[in-house]
Amino acid sequence: MGNGEFKVHKGIIPILENFDFDITCNVQGFELVRVPKKGDVQRVVNQGGKYGAQAKNLVNQCQHGDTYYYNNIKVKCPGDPAARELNGMIFNIR
């Protein structure tokens, strides 16, 4: 993904496709990790699905060759007794 395209995202929004009915799940939080091409790894724990100030700052630093990891994504859907953890995501910045 290009760095300009990556920077416009506002956070994580879960979309459940091919369900028999509309359902909305809420992201409770996630860990965002930036591995720059040069420099030290940076980590931020974000509350909610929308980027907080620290996560947005990390996203705004993206440059060609960086890799971003979204880990420990916690989501609560209607009917869930507790939050569930989703698979992580990896974005390589071109």
C-alpha atoms as a PDB file:
ATOM      1  CA  MET A   1       0.000   0.000   0.000  1.00  0.00           C
ATOM      2  CA  GLY A   2       1.271   3.474  -0.766  1.00  0.00           C
ATOM      3  CA  ASN A   3       2.022   5.748   2.175  1.00  0.00           C
ATOM      4  CA  GLY A   4      -0.559   8.337   1.072  1.00  0.00           C
ATOM      5  CA  GLU A   5      -3.286   5.694   0.937  1.00  0.00           C
ATOM      6  CA  PHE A   6      -2.231   4.299   4.317  1.00  0.00           C
ATOM      7  CA  LYS A   7      -2.289   7.715   6.011  1.00  0.00           C
ATOM      8  CA  VAL A   8      -5.930   8.443   5.115  1.00  0.00           C
ATOM      9  CA  HIS A   9      -7.282   5.507   7.134  1.00  0.00           C
ATOM     10  CA  LYS A  10      -8.944   6.496  10.403  1.00  0.00           C
ATOM     11  CA  GLY A  11      -8.531   3.195  12.257  1.00  0.00           C
ATOM     12  CA  ILE A  12     -10.042  -0.295  12.187  1.00  0.00           C
ATOM     13  CA  ILE A  13     -13.667  -0.773  11.170  1.00  0.00           C
ATOM     14  CA  PRO A  14     -14.920  -4.388  11.146  1.00  0.00           C
ATOM     15  CA  ILE A  15     -17.193  -5.291   8.251  1.00  0.00           C
ATOM     16  CA  LEU A  16     -19.035  -8.606   8.274  1.00  0.00           C
ATOM     17  CA  GLU A  17     -19.824  -9.628   4.715  1.00  0.00           C
ATOM     18  CA  ASN A  18     -22.297 -12.255   3.502  1.00  0.00           C
ATOM     19  CA  PHE A  19     -24.336 -12.281   6.717  1.00  0.00           C
ATOM     20  CA  ASP A  20     -28.079 -12.919   6.601  1.00  0.00           C
ATOM     21  CA  PHE A  21     -28.660  -9.704   8.541  1.00  0.00           C
ATOM     22  CA  ASP A  22     -26.822  -6.478   9.322  1.00  0.00           C
ATOM     23  CA  ILE A  23     -24.630  -6.661  12.384  1.00  0.00           C
ATOM     24  CA  THR A  24     -22.235  -4.118  13.832  1.00  0.00           C
ATOM     25  CA  CYS A  25     -19.254  -5.082  15.949  1.00  0.00           C
ATOM     26  CA  ASN A  26     -17.217  -2.605  17.981  1.00  0.00           C
ATOM     27  CA  VAL A  27     -13.436  -2.591  18.160  1.00  0.00           C
ATOM     28  CA  GLN A  28     -12.387  -2.268  21.778  1.00  0.00           C
ATOM     29  CA  GLY A  29      -8.702  -1.808  21.055  1.00  0.00           C
ATOM     30  CA  PHE A  30      -5.549  -3.027  19.323  1.00  0.00           C
ATOM     31  CA  GLU A  31      -1.775  -2.774  19.305  1.00  0.00           C
ATOM     32  CA  LEU A  32      -0.151  -0.908  16.405  1.00  0.00           C
ATOM     33  CA  VAL A  33       3.512  -1.633  15.672  1.00  0.00           C
ATOM     34  CA  ARG A  34       5.647   0.303  13.206  1.00  0.00           C
ATOM     35  CA  VAL A  35       8.817  -1.327  11.923  1.00  0.00           C
ATOM     36  CA  PRO A  36      10.604   1.391   9.955  1.00  0.00           C
ATOM     37  CA  LYS A  37      13.074   0.576   7.210  1.00  0.00           C
ATOM     38  CA  LYS A  38      15.652   2.378   9.348  1.00  0.00           C
ATOM     39  CA  GLY A  39      15.313   3.001  13.054  1.00  0.00           C
ATOM     40  CA  ASP A  40      13.723   1.457  16.103  1.00  0.00           C
ATOM     41  CA  VAL A  41      10.432  -0.412  16.345  1.00  0.00           C
ATOM     42  CA  GLN A  42       7.595   1.704  17.784  1.00  0.00           C
ATOM     43  CA  ARG A  43       4.506   0.338  19.576  1.00  0.00           C
ATOM     44  CA  VAL A  44       1.228   1.946  20.595  1.00  0.00           C
ATOM     45  CA  VAL A  45      -1.776   0.414  22.343  1.00  0.00           C
ATOM     46  CA  ASN A  46      -4.944   2.039  21.000  1.00  0.00           C
ATOM     47  CA  GLN A  47      -8.316   2.089  22.762  1.00  0.00           C
ATOM     48  CA  GLY A  48     -11.297   1.732  20.421  1.00  0.00           C
ATOM     49  CA  GLY A  49     -11.271   1.336  16.657  1.00  0.00           C
ATOM     50  CA  LYS A  50     -10.569   4.952  15.733  1.00  0.00           C
ATOM     51  CA  TYR A  51      -6.942   6.052  15.963  1.00  0.00           C
ATOM     52  CA  GLY A  52      -6.063   7.929  19.114  1.00  0.00           C
ATOM     53  CA  ALA A  53      -3.418  10.677  19.029  1.00  0.00           C
ATOM     54  CA  GLN A  54      -0.455   8.302  19.519  1.00  0.00           C
ATOM     55  CA  ALA A  55      -1.622   5.820  16.871  1.00  0.00           C
ATOM     56  CA  LYS A  56      -2.358   8.608  14.380  1.00  0.00           C
ATOM     57  CA  ASN A  57       1.101  10.038  14.991  1.00  0.00           C
ATOM     58  CA  LEU A  58       2.625   6.614  14.264  1.00  0.00           C
ATOM     59  CA  VAL A  59       0.597   6.284  11.051  1.00  0.00           C
ATOM     60  CA  ASN A  60       1.601   9.785   9.924  1.00  0.00           C
ATOM     61  CA  GLN A  61       5.269   8.774  10.160  1.00  0.00           C
ATOM     62  CA  CYS A  62       4.934   6.039   7.514  1.00  0.00           C
ATOM     63  CA  GLN A  63       7.549   5.998   4.799  1.00  0.00           C
ATOM     64  CA  HIS A  64       8.522   3.759   1.913  1.00  0.00           C
ATOM     65  CA  GLY A  65       9.791   0.427   3.232  1.00  0.00           C
ATOM     66  CA  ASP A  66       8.007   0.554   6.607  1.00  0.00           C
ATOM     67  CA  THR A  67       5.879  -2.339   7.855  1.00  0.00           C
ATOM     68  CA  TYR A  68       2.872  -1.879  10.161  1.00  0.00           C
ATOM     69  CA  TYR A  69       1.422  -4.657  12.299  1.00  0.00           C
ATOM     70  CA  TYR A  70      -2.016  -4.571  13.889  1.00  0.00           C
ATOM     71  CA  ASN A  71      -2.016  -7.087  16.748  1.00  0.00           C
ATOM     72  CA  ASN A  72      -4.314  -8.083  19.600  1.00  0.00           C
ATOM     73  CA  ILE A  73      -7.391  -6.681  17.853  1.00  0.00           C
ATOM     74  CA  LYS A  74     -10.262  -7.011  20.343  1.00  0.00           C
ATOM     75  CA  VAL A  75     -13.825  -6.847  19.003  1.00  0.00           C
ATOM     76  CA  LYS A  76     -17.193  -7.210  20.730  1.00  0.00           C
ATOM     77  CA  CYS A  77     -20.185  -8.205  18.644  1.00  0.00           C
ATOM     78  CA  PRO A  78     -23.842  -8.355  19.718  1.00  0.00           C
ATOM     79  CA  GLY A  79     -24.456 -11.526  21.683  1.00  0.00           C
ATOM     80  CA  ASP A  80     -20.804 -12.027  22.607  1.00  0.00           C
ATOM     81  CA  PRO A  81     -20.338 -12.492  26.350  1.00  0.00           C
ATOM     82  CA  ALA A  82     -16.826 -11.038  26.044  1.00  0.00           C
ATOM     83  CA  ALA A  83     -14.584  -9.463  23.436  1.00  0.00           C
ATOM     84  CA  ARG A  84     -12.978 -11.789  20.928  1.00  0.00           C
ATOM     85  CA  GLU A  85      -9.547 -11.437  19.359  1.00  0.00           C
ATOM     86  CA  LEU A  86      -9.314 -11.140  15.582  1.00  0.00           C
ATOM     87  CA  ASN A  87      -6.409 -12.148  13.364  1.00  0.00           C
ATOM     88  CA  GLY A  88      -3.733  -9.502  13.002  1.00  0.00           C
ATOM     89  CA  MET A  89      -3.045  -7.477   9.866  1.00  0.00           C
ATOM     90  CA  ILE A  90       0.225  -6.514   8.194  1.00  0.00           C
ATOM     91  CA  PHE A  91       0.727  -3.564   5.841  1.00  0.00           C
ATOM     92  CA  ASN A  92       3.924  -3.097   3.838  1.00  0.00           C
ATOM     93  CA  ILE A  93       4.330   0.504   2.726  1.00  0.00           C
ATOM     94  CA  ARG A  94       5.547   1.043  -0.854  1.00  0.00           C
END
